[in-house]
Amino acid sequence: MTDGTMTARTVLTPRVAAAGLVVVTAYAALAALQIFVLNPLAAVPGASLSAVYAEMDAVGETMPVAMPAVVLGIGVVAAVVVAVLSIRSRLEPAHSALLFLLLLVFGTPGYFVASFGPGMNLADTFMISGADYSRWSLVLYAVSMAAVVAVVVLVTRLALRRPAVVKG
């Protein structure tokens, strides 16, 4: 490995890891906000969040927190692991970015699993569908779709990259 490549890895990989960790954590935070605040408010227009939760409680439904928190937390923990391993192993920045992009790709299925119970409990309480009512979920879907495109582009670039010639 050349000195320039090592320097690029030493400098860029921690930056990519930090950015990836921030983006994945922000994704999970928006997903939690969507599940626990934005969607309930959009599903029951004109009602306060406390009124929505009180009505759910009155009919014997809850807003489950543990399962969505665990599912969303798995993504954040995975991002921490990827960041630490990327930095410790001096992973090439492009490979580190690819791993974070894959976490974002899996954000949509993670969001679906995390939001299923709360959505169904809203549906059962207010006799509505369990679908998303808040449009903020579209941001999550768009980020995951952009990550899919970025994965394809990055994998293609990595596959077409010419291998370095080792002089011996």
N, C-alpha and C. Protein backbone atom coordinates (compact mmCIF):
# COMPACT_ATOMS: atom_id res chain seq x y z
N MET A 1 0.84 -1.16 0.00
CA MET A 1 0.00 0.00 0.00
C MET A 1 0.90 1.23 0.00
N THR A 2 0.55 2.20 -0.85
CA THR A 2 1.38 3.40 -0.93
C THR A 2 1.09 4.30 0.26
N ASP A 3 2.03 5.22 0.49
CA ASP A 3 1.88 6.16 1.60
C ASP A 3 0.64 7.03 1.41
N GLY A 4 0.36 7.42 0.15
CA GLY A 4 -0.82 8.25 -0.13
C GLY A 4 -2.12 7.52 0.17
N THR A 5 -2.16 6.24 -0.14
CA THR A 5 -3.36 5.45 0.15
C THR A 5 -3.57 5.32 1.64
N MET A 6 -2.49 5.09 2.38
CA MET A 6 -2.60 4.97 3.84
C MET A 6 -3.06 6.29 4.44
N THR A 7 -2.52 7.41 3.95
CA THR A 7 -2.93 8.72 4.45
C THR A 7 -4.41 8.97 4.16
N ALA A 8 -4.85 8.62 2.96
CA ALA A 8 -6.26 8.80 2.60
C ALA A 8 -7.15 7.98 3.52
N ARG A 9 -6.75 6.76 3.80
CA ARG A 9 -7.53 5.92 4.70
C ARG A 9 -7.52 6.48 6.12
N THR A 10 -6.37 6.93 6.56
CA THR A 10 -6.24 7.46 7.92
C THR A 10 -7.08 8.70 8.11
N VAL A 11 -7.17 9.53 7.09
CA VAL A 11 -7.92 10.79 7.19
C VAL A 11 -9.38 10.61 6.81
N LEU A 12 -9.64 9.95 5.70
CA LEU A 12 -11.00 9.88 5.17
C LEU A 12 -11.89 8.86 5.86
N THR A 13 -11.36 7.71 6.21
CA THR A 13 -12.20 6.68 6.81
C THR A 13 -12.89 7.15 8.09
N PRO A 14 -12.20 7.82 9.02
CA PRO A 14 -12.91 8.32 10.20
C PRO A 14 -14.00 9.33 9.86
N ARG A 15 -13.75 10.14 8.84
CA ARG A 15 -14.77 11.11 8.41
C ARG A 15 -15.98 10.42 7.82
N VAL A 16 -15.74 9.42 6.99
CA VAL A 16 -16.84 8.65 6.41
C VAL A 16 -17.60 7.93 7.52
N ALA A 17 -16.87 7.37 8.46
CA ALA A 17 -17.50 6.66 9.58
C ALA A 17 -18.35 7.60 10.42
N ALA A 18 -17.83 8.77 10.70
CA ALA A 18 -18.60 9.75 11.50
C ALA A 18 -19.85 10.20 10.75
N ALA A 19 -19.69 10.51 9.47
CA ALA A 19 -20.84 10.93 8.67
C ALA A 19 -21.88 9.82 8.58
N GLY A 20 -21.42 8.59 8.34
CA GLY A 20 -22.34 7.46 8.25
C GLY A 20 -23.09 7.24 9.55
N LEU A 21 -22.38 7.34 10.66
CA LEU A 21 -23.01 7.16 11.96
C LEU A 21 -24.06 8.25 12.21
N VAL A 22 -23.75 9.47 11.85
CA VAL A 22 -24.71 10.58 12.02
C VAL A 22 -25.95 10.37 11.15
N VAL A 23 -25.75 9.99 9.90
CA VAL A 23 -26.89 9.83 8.99
C VAL A 23 -27.78 8.66 9.43
N VAL A 24 -27.19 7.54 9.79
CA VAL A 24 -28.00 6.39 10.24
C VAL A 24 -28.74 6.73 11.53
N THR A 25 -28.09 7.42 12.44
CA THR A 25 -28.74 7.81 13.70
C THR A 25 -29.88 8.80 13.43
N ALA A 26 -29.66 9.74 12.52
CA ALA A 26 -30.71 10.70 12.16
C ALA A 26 -31.90 9.97 11.51
N TYR A 27 -31.62 8.98 10.70
CA TYR A 27 -32.67 8.18 10.07
C TYR A 27 -33.51 7.50 11.16
N ALA A 28 -32.85 6.88 12.11
CA ALA A 28 -33.56 6.20 13.20
C ALA A 28 -34.34 7.19 14.05
N ALA A 29 -33.77 8.37 14.29
CA ALA A 29 -34.48 9.39 15.07
C ALA A 29 -35.73 9.88 14.34
N LEU A 30 -35.61 10.11 13.04
CA LEU A 30 -36.79 10.52 12.27
C LEU A 30 -37.84 9.41 12.25
N ALA A 31 -37.40 8.17 12.13
CA ALA A 31 -38.33 7.05 12.16
C ALA A 31 -39.07 6.99 13.49
N ALA A 32 -38.36 7.20 14.59
CA ALA A 32 -39.00 7.20 15.92
C ALA A 32 -39.98 8.36 16.04
N LEU A 33 -39.58 9.52 15.58
CA LEU A 33 -40.47 10.69 15.60
C LEU A 33 -41.71 10.44 14.76
N GLN A 34 -41.54 9.82 13.62
CA GLN A 34 -42.66 9.48 12.74
C GLN A 34 -43.62 8.50 13.43
N ILE A 35 -43.07 7.48 14.06
CA ILE A 35 -43.90 6.44 14.68
C ILE A 35 -44.66 6.97 15.89
N PHE A 36 -43.96 7.70 16.75
CA PHE A 36 -44.55 8.07 18.05
C PHE A 36 -45.24 9.43 18.08
N VAL A 37 -44.94 10.31 17.12
CA VAL A 37 -45.50 11.66 17.17
C VAL A 37 -46.20 12.04 15.88
N LEU A 38 -45.45 12.08 14.78
CA LEU A 38 -45.98 12.63 13.54
C LEU A 38 -47.14 11.82 12.98
N ASN A 39 -47.00 10.50 12.92
CA ASN A 39 -48.07 9.69 12.37
C ASN A 39 -49.33 9.69 13.25
N PRO A 40 -49.22 9.54 14.56
CA PRO A 40 -50.45 9.63 15.37
C PRO A 40 -51.16 10.97 15.22
N LEU A 41 -50.41 12.06 15.15
CA LEU A 41 -51.04 13.38 14.97
C LEU A 41 -51.72 13.50 13.61
N ALA A 42 -51.09 12.94 12.58
CA ALA A 42 -51.69 12.99 11.24
C ALA A 42 -52.87 12.04 11.11
N ALA A 43 -52.82 10.93 11.84
CA ALA A 43 -53.91 9.95 11.76
C ALA A 43 -55.19 10.45 12.41
N VAL A 44 -55.04 11.32 13.40
CA VAL A 44 -56.20 11.86 14.12
C VAL A 44 -56.09 13.39 14.07
N PRO A 45 -56.44 13.98 12.92
CA PRO A 45 -56.27 15.42 12.75
C PRO A 45 -57.06 16.22 13.81
N GLY A 46 -56.42 17.24 14.32
CA GLY A 46 -57.06 18.11 15.29
C GLY A 46 -56.90 17.67 16.73
N ALA A 47 -56.46 16.46 16.95
CA ALA A 47 -56.28 15.96 18.32
C ALA A 47 -54.83 16.19 18.74
N SER A 48 -54.65 16.43 20.02
CA SER A 48 -53.29 16.55 20.54
C SER A 48 -52.71 15.14 20.71
N LEU A 49 -51.41 15.08 20.83
CA LEU A 49 -50.76 13.79 21.01
C LEU A 49 -51.23 13.13 22.31
N SER A 50 -51.35 13.92 23.36
CA SER A 50 -51.82 13.35 24.63
C SER A 50 -53.26 12.85 24.51
N ALA A 51 -54.08 13.52 23.71
CA ALA A 51 -55.46 13.06 23.50
C ALA A 51 -55.49 11.75 22.71
N VAL A 52 -54.62 11.64 21.72
CA VAL A 52 -54.54 10.40 20.94
C VAL A 52 -54.14 9.25 21.85
N TYR A 53 -53.10 9.46 22.64
CA TYR A 53 -52.63 8.41 23.55
C TYR A 53 -53.67 8.09 24.61
N ALA A 54 -54.39 9.10 25.11
CA ALA A 54 -55.43 8.86 26.12
C ALA A 54 -56.57 8.04 25.54
N GLU A 55 -56.95 8.32 24.32
CA GLU A 55 -58.03 7.56 23.67
C GLU A 55 -57.59 6.11 23.46
N MET A 56 -56.34 5.93 23.07
CA MET A 56 -55.83 4.57 22.89
C MET A 56 -55.88 3.82 24.22
N ASP A 57 -55.46 4.48 25.28
CA ASP A 57 -55.48 3.87 26.60
C ASP A 57 -56.90 3.55 27.04
N ALA A 58 -57.84 4.43 26.72
CA ALA A 58 -59.24 4.25 27.14
C ALA A 58 -59.87 3.01 26.51
N VAL A 59 -59.43 2.64 25.31
CA VAL A 59 -60.00 1.45 24.66
C VAL A 59 -59.12 0.22 24.83
N GLY A 60 -58.11 0.34 25.67
CA GLY A 60 -57.27 -0.82 25.96
C GLY A 60 -56.12 -1.04 24.99
N GLU A 61 -55.81 -0.04 24.18
CA GLU A 61 -54.67 -0.13 23.26
C GLU A 61 -53.53 0.69 23.85
N THR A 62 -52.33 0.39 23.41
CA THR A 62 -51.17 1.15 23.89
C THR A 62 -50.37 1.62 22.69
N MET A 63 -49.45 2.49 22.95
CA MET A 63 -48.46 2.85 21.94
C MET A 63 -47.20 2.11 22.34
N PRO A 64 -46.98 0.94 21.74
CA PRO A 64 -45.82 0.14 22.13
C PRO A 64 -44.52 0.88 21.82
N VAL A 65 -43.67 0.95 22.80
CA VAL A 65 -42.41 1.68 22.66
C VAL A 65 -41.22 0.73 22.56
N ALA A 66 -41.24 -0.36 23.32
CA ALA A 66 -40.08 -1.24 23.41
C ALA A 66 -39.69 -1.84 22.06
N MET A 67 -40.64 -2.44 21.38
CA MET A 67 -40.33 -3.11 20.11
C MET A 67 -39.80 -2.13 19.06
N PRO A 68 -40.47 -1.00 18.82
CA PRO A 68 -39.90 -0.05 17.86
C PRO A 68 -38.53 0.47 18.28
N ALA A 69 -38.35 0.73 19.57
CA ALA A 69 -37.06 1.23 20.04
C ALA A 69 -35.96 0.20 19.82
N VAL A 70 -36.25 -1.06 20.06
CA VAL A 70 -35.26 -2.12 19.85
C VAL A 70 -34.93 -2.23 18.36
N VAL A 71 -35.95 -2.25 17.51
CA VAL A 71 -35.71 -2.39 16.07
C VAL A 71 -34.89 -1.22 15.54
N LEU A 72 -35.28 0.00 15.91
CA LEU A 72 -34.53 1.17 15.45
C LEU A 72 -33.15 1.22 16.09
N GLY A 73 -33.06 0.77 17.33
CA GLY A 73 -31.77 0.75 18.01
C GLY A 73 -30.79 -0.21 17.37
N ILE A 74 -31.28 -1.28 16.79
CA ILE A 74 -30.41 -2.24 16.11
C ILE A 74 -29.65 -1.54 14.98
N GLY A 75 -30.33 -0.67 14.25
CA GLY A 75 -29.67 0.06 13.17
C GLY A 75 -28.59 0.99 13.69
N VAL A 76 -28.85 1.66 14.79
CA VAL A 76 -27.87 2.57 15.37
C VAL A 76 -26.67 1.78 15.91
N VAL A 77 -26.93 0.68 16.59
CA VAL A 77 -25.84 -0.16 17.11
C VAL A 77 -25.02 -0.70 15.94
N ALA A 78 -25.67 -1.13 14.89
CA ALA A 78 -24.94 -1.62 13.71
C ALA A 78 -24.07 -0.51 13.13
N ALA A 79 -24.56 0.72 13.11
CA ALA A 79 -23.78 1.84 12.60
C ALA A 79 -22.56 2.11 13.48
N VAL A 80 -22.72 1.99 14.79
CA VAL A 80 -21.58 2.17 15.70
C VAL A 80 -20.54 1.09 15.43
N VAL A 81 -20.99 -0.14 15.28
CA VAL A 81 -20.08 -1.25 15.01
C VAL A 81 -19.34 -1.02 13.69
N VAL A 82 -20.06 -0.63 12.65
CA VAL A 82 -19.43 -0.37 11.35
C VAL A 82 -18.42 0.77 11.47
N ALA A 83 -18.77 1.82 12.20
CA ALA A 83 -17.86 2.95 12.37
C ALA A 83 -16.57 2.51 13.08
N VAL A 84 -16.72 1.80 14.18
CA VAL A 84 -15.55 1.37 14.95
C VAL A 84 -14.68 0.43 14.13
N LEU A 85 -15.30 -0.55 13.49
CA LEU A 85 -14.52 -1.50 12.69
C LEU A 85 -13.88 -0.84 11.48
N SER A 86 -14.57 0.12 10.87
CA SER A 86 -14.00 0.83 9.72
C SER A 86 -12.74 1.57 10.13
N ILE A 87 -12.80 2.23 11.27
CA ILE A 87 -11.65 3.02 11.72
C ILE A 87 -10.53 2.12 12.20
N ARG A 88 -10.87 1.12 13.02
CA ARG A 88 -9.84 0.25 13.59
C ARG A 88 -9.13 -0.57 12.52
N SER A 89 -9.86 -1.01 11.51
CA SER A 89 -9.24 -1.84 10.47
C SER A 89 -8.71 -1.01 9.30
N ARG A 90 -8.85 0.31 9.42
CA ARG A 90 -8.42 1.22 8.34
C ARG A 90 -9.04 0.81 7.01
N LEU A 91 -10.31 0.53 7.07
CA LEU A 91 -11.05 0.13 5.87
C LEU A 91 -10.99 1.24 4.83
N GLU A 92 -10.95 0.88 3.61
CA GLU A 92 -10.96 1.88 2.53
C GLU A 92 -12.24 2.72 2.66
N PRO A 93 -12.15 4.03 2.51
CA PRO A 93 -13.33 4.89 2.69
C PRO A 93 -14.55 4.47 1.85
N ALA A 94 -14.31 4.05 0.62
CA ALA A 94 -15.42 3.63 -0.24
C ALA A 94 -16.12 2.39 0.32
N HIS A 95 -15.36 1.48 0.89
CA HIS A 95 -15.96 0.27 1.47
C HIS A 95 -16.74 0.61 2.74
N SER A 96 -16.21 1.53 3.53
CA SER A 96 -16.92 1.98 4.71
C SER A 96 -18.23 2.65 4.32
N ALA A 97 -18.17 3.52 3.31
CA ALA A 97 -19.39 4.19 2.82
C ALA A 97 -20.41 3.17 2.33
N LEU A 98 -19.94 2.14 1.66
CA LEU A 98 -20.84 1.10 1.17
C LEU A 98 -21.59 0.42 2.32
N LEU A 99 -20.90 0.14 3.39
CA LEU A 99 -21.54 -0.50 4.54
C LEU A 99 -22.62 0.40 5.15
N PHE A 100 -22.33 1.70 5.27
CA PHE A 100 -23.33 2.62 5.80
C PHE A 100 -24.51 2.77 4.85
N LEU A 101 -24.24 2.79 3.56
CA LEU A 101 -25.34 2.85 2.59
C LEU A 101 -26.23 1.62 2.70
N LEU A 102 -25.64 0.46 2.92
CA LEU A 102 -26.44 -0.76 3.08
C LEU A 102 -27.32 -0.67 4.33
N LEU A 103 -26.80 -0.07 5.39
CA LEU A 103 -27.64 0.12 6.59
C LEU A 103 -28.83 1.01 6.26
N LEU A 104 -28.61 2.04 5.46
CA LEU A 104 -29.73 2.91 5.07
C LEU A 104 -30.72 2.20 4.15
N VAL A 105 -30.22 1.31 3.30
CA VAL A 105 -31.11 0.52 2.45
C VAL A 105 -32.05 -0.31 3.32
N PHE A 106 -31.49 -0.90 4.38
CA PHE A 106 -32.31 -1.73 5.28
C PHE A 106 -33.14 -0.90 6.25
N GLY A 107 -33.03 0.42 6.16
CA GLY A 107 -33.85 1.29 7.00
C GLY A 107 -35.33 1.16 6.73
N THR A 108 -35.71 1.01 5.46
CA THR A 108 -37.14 0.89 5.14
C THR A 108 -37.76 -0.37 5.73
N PRO A 109 -37.17 -1.55 5.54
CA PRO A 109 -37.77 -2.71 6.21
C PRO A 109 -37.75 -2.58 7.73
N GLY A 110 -36.70 -1.99 8.27
CA GLY A 110 -36.64 -1.77 9.72
C GLY A 110 -37.75 -0.85 10.18
N TYR A 111 -37.97 0.23 9.44
CA TYR A 111 -39.06 1.16 9.77
C TYR A 111 -40.41 0.45 9.72
N PHE A 112 -40.62 -0.37 8.69
CA PHE A 112 -41.88 -1.10 8.57
C PHE A 112 -42.12 -1.98 9.79
N VAL A 113 -41.11 -2.74 10.17
CA VAL A 113 -41.25 -3.63 11.32
C VAL A 113 -41.49 -2.82 12.60
N ALA A 114 -40.73 -1.74 12.76
CA ALA A 114 -40.85 -0.92 13.97
C ALA A 114 -42.21 -0.23 14.06
N SER A 115 -42.77 0.15 12.94
CA SER A 115 -44.02 0.92 12.96
C SER A 115 -45.28 0.05 12.88
N PHE A 116 -45.12 -1.23 12.64
CA PHE A 116 -46.28 -2.09 12.42
C PHE A 116 -47.21 -2.12 13.65
N GLY A 117 -46.67 -2.43 14.81
CA GLY A 117 -47.49 -2.50 16.02
C GLY A 117 -48.16 -1.19 16.37
N PRO A 118 -47.40 -0.09 16.43
CA PRO A 118 -48.04 1.19 16.72
C PRO A 118 -49.11 1.56 15.68
N GLY A 119 -48.83 1.29 14.42
CA GLY A 119 -49.81 1.60 13.38
C GLY A 119 -51.08 0.79 13.53
N MET A 120 -50.93 -0.48 13.86
CA MET A 120 -52.12 -1.33 14.04
C MET A 120 -52.91 -0.91 15.28
N ASN A 121 -52.22 -0.51 16.33
CA ASN A 121 -52.93 -0.05 17.53
C ASN A 121 -53.67 1.25 17.27
N LEU A 122 -53.09 2.15 16.48
CA LEU A 122 -53.81 3.35 16.06
C LEU A 122 -55.04 2.97 15.24
N ALA A 123 -54.85 2.02 14.33
CA ALA A 123 -55.94 1.58 13.47
C ALA A 123 -57.08 0.98 14.29
N ASP A 124 -56.74 0.14 15.25
CA ASP A 124 -57.76 -0.49 16.08
C ASP A 124 -58.50 0.52 16.95
N THR A 125 -57.80 1.52 17.42
CA THR A 125 -58.41 2.52 18.30
C THR A 125 -59.35 3.44 17.53
N PHE A 126 -58.90 3.93 16.38
CA PHE A 126 -59.65 4.96 15.66
C PHE A 126 -60.37 4.45 14.43
N MET A 127 -60.38 3.12 14.23
CA MET A 127 -61.06 2.49 13.11
C MET A 127 -60.60 3.10 11.77
N ILE A 128 -59.29 3.15 11.62
CA ILE A 128 -58.66 3.65 10.41
C ILE A 128 -57.74 2.56 9.88
N SER A 129 -57.12 2.83 8.74
CA SER A 129 -56.15 1.85 8.25
C SER A 129 -54.86 1.99 9.05
N GLY A 130 -54.02 1.00 8.99
CA GLY A 130 -52.75 1.04 9.72
C GLY A 130 -51.64 1.70 8.92
N ALA A 131 -52.00 2.33 7.81
CA ALA A 131 -51.00 2.96 6.94
C ALA A 131 -50.44 4.23 7.58
N ASP A 132 -49.37 4.72 6.98
CA ASP A 132 -48.82 6.00 7.41
C ASP A 132 -49.75 7.12 6.97
N TYR A 133 -50.02 8.02 7.87
CA TYR A 133 -50.81 9.21 7.56
C TYR A 133 -49.92 10.42 7.39
N SER A 134 -48.81 10.44 8.07
CA SER A 134 -47.86 11.54 7.95
C SER A 134 -46.98 11.29 6.73
N ARG A 135 -46.75 12.33 5.97
CA ARG A 135 -45.92 12.22 4.77
C ARG A 135 -44.42 12.13 5.08
N TRP A 136 -44.05 12.30 6.35
CA TRP A 136 -42.64 12.24 6.70
C TRP A 136 -42.05 10.86 6.46
N SER A 137 -42.88 9.85 6.39
CA SER A 137 -42.36 8.52 6.07
C SER A 137 -41.76 8.49 4.67
N LEU A 138 -42.26 9.37 3.79
CA LEU A 138 -41.72 9.43 2.43
C LEU A 138 -40.25 9.86 2.43
N VAL A 139 -39.85 10.65 3.40
CA VAL A 139 -38.44 11.04 3.52
C VAL A 139 -37.60 9.79 3.81
N LEU A 140 -38.10 8.95 4.71
CA LEU A 140 -37.38 7.72 5.03
C LEU A 140 -37.26 6.82 3.80
N TYR A 141 -38.37 6.69 3.07
CA TYR A 141 -38.34 5.85 1.86
C TYR A 141 -37.40 6.44 0.81
N ALA A 142 -37.40 7.76 0.68
CA ALA A 142 -36.54 8.42 -0.31
C ALA A 142 -35.06 8.23 0.04
N VAL A 143 -34.73 8.33 1.31
CA VAL A 143 -33.34 8.13 1.73
C VAL A 143 -32.91 6.70 1.43
N SER A 144 -33.76 5.74 1.74
CA SER A 144 -33.41 4.35 1.46
C SER A 144 -33.28 4.10 -0.04
N MET A 145 -34.16 4.70 -0.84
CA MET A 145 -34.08 4.52 -2.29
C MET A 145 -32.81 5.18 -2.84
N ALA A 146 -32.48 6.36 -2.34
CA ALA A 146 -31.24 7.02 -2.76
C ALA A 146 -30.03 6.16 -2.38
N ALA A 147 -30.11 5.51 -1.23
CA ALA A 147 -29.02 4.63 -0.81
C ALA A 147 -28.90 3.43 -1.74
N VAL A 148 -30.02 2.91 -2.22
CA VAL A 148 -29.97 1.79 -3.19
C VAL A 148 -29.24 2.23 -4.45
N VAL A 149 -29.59 3.40 -4.95
CA VAL A 149 -28.94 3.93 -6.16
C VAL A 149 -27.45 4.14 -5.89
N ALA A 150 -27.12 4.72 -4.73
CA ALA A 150 -25.72 4.97 -4.39
C ALA A 150 -24.94 3.67 -4.26
N VAL A 151 -25.56 2.62 -3.73
CA VAL A 151 -24.90 1.31 -3.62
C VAL A 151 -24.57 0.79 -5.02
N VAL A 152 -25.52 0.86 -5.92
CA VAL A 152 -25.30 0.37 -7.28
C VAL A 152 -24.16 1.15 -7.94
N VAL A 153 -24.19 2.48 -7.81
CA VAL A 153 -23.13 3.31 -8.40
C VAL A 153 -21.78 2.99 -7.78
N LEU A 154 -21.73 2.91 -6.47
CA LEU A 154 -20.46 2.66 -5.78
C LEU A 154 -19.91 1.28 -6.09
N VAL A 155 -20.76 0.27 -6.08
CA VAL A 155 -20.30 -1.08 -6.41
C VAL A 155 -19.79 -1.14 -7.85
N THR A 156 -20.48 -0.46 -8.74
CA THR A 156 -20.03 -0.42 -10.14
C THR A 156 -18.67 0.26 -10.25
N ARG A 157 -18.51 1.39 -9.57
CA ARG A 157 -17.22 2.10 -9.59
C ARG A 157 -16.11 1.23 -9.02
N LEU A 158 -16.40 0.56 -7.91
CA LEU A 158 -15.38 -0.30 -7.30
C LEU A 158 -15.03 -1.47 -8.21
N ALA A 159 -16.02 -2.01 -8.89
CA ALA A 159 -15.77 -3.15 -9.78
C ALA A 159 -14.97 -2.74 -11.01
N LEU A 160 -15.17 -1.52 -11.46
CA LEU A 160 -14.48 -1.06 -12.67
C LEU A 160 -13.12 -0.43 -12.38
N ARG A 161 -12.85 -0.21 -11.12
CA ARG A 161 -11.58 0.41 -10.74
C ARG A 161 -10.44 -0.52 -11.09
N ARG A 162 -9.41 0.06 -11.65
CA ARG A 162 -8.27 -0.74 -12.04
C ARG A 162 -7.46 -1.12 -10.81
N PRO A 163 -7.08 -2.37 -10.70
CA PRO A 163 -6.26 -2.75 -9.55
C PRO A 163 -4.88 -2.09 -9.63
N ALA A 164 -4.36 -1.77 -8.48
CA ALA A 164 -3.02 -1.17 -8.42
C ALA A 164 -1.97 -2.18 -8.84
N VAL A 165 -0.99 -1.71 -9.55
CA VAL A 165 0.09 -2.58 -9.98
C VAL A 165 1.13 -2.59 -8.86
N VAL A 166 1.47 -3.77 -8.43
CA VAL A 166 2.45 -3.92 -7.36
C VAL A 166 3.81 -4.14 -8.00
N LYS A 167 4.72 -3.26 -7.67
CA LYS A 167 6.07 -3.41 -8.22
C LYS A 167 6.93 -4.12 -7.18
N GLY A 168 7.60 -5.09 -7.60
CA GLY A 168 8.36 -5.87 -6.64
C GLY A 168 9.76 -5.85 -6.92
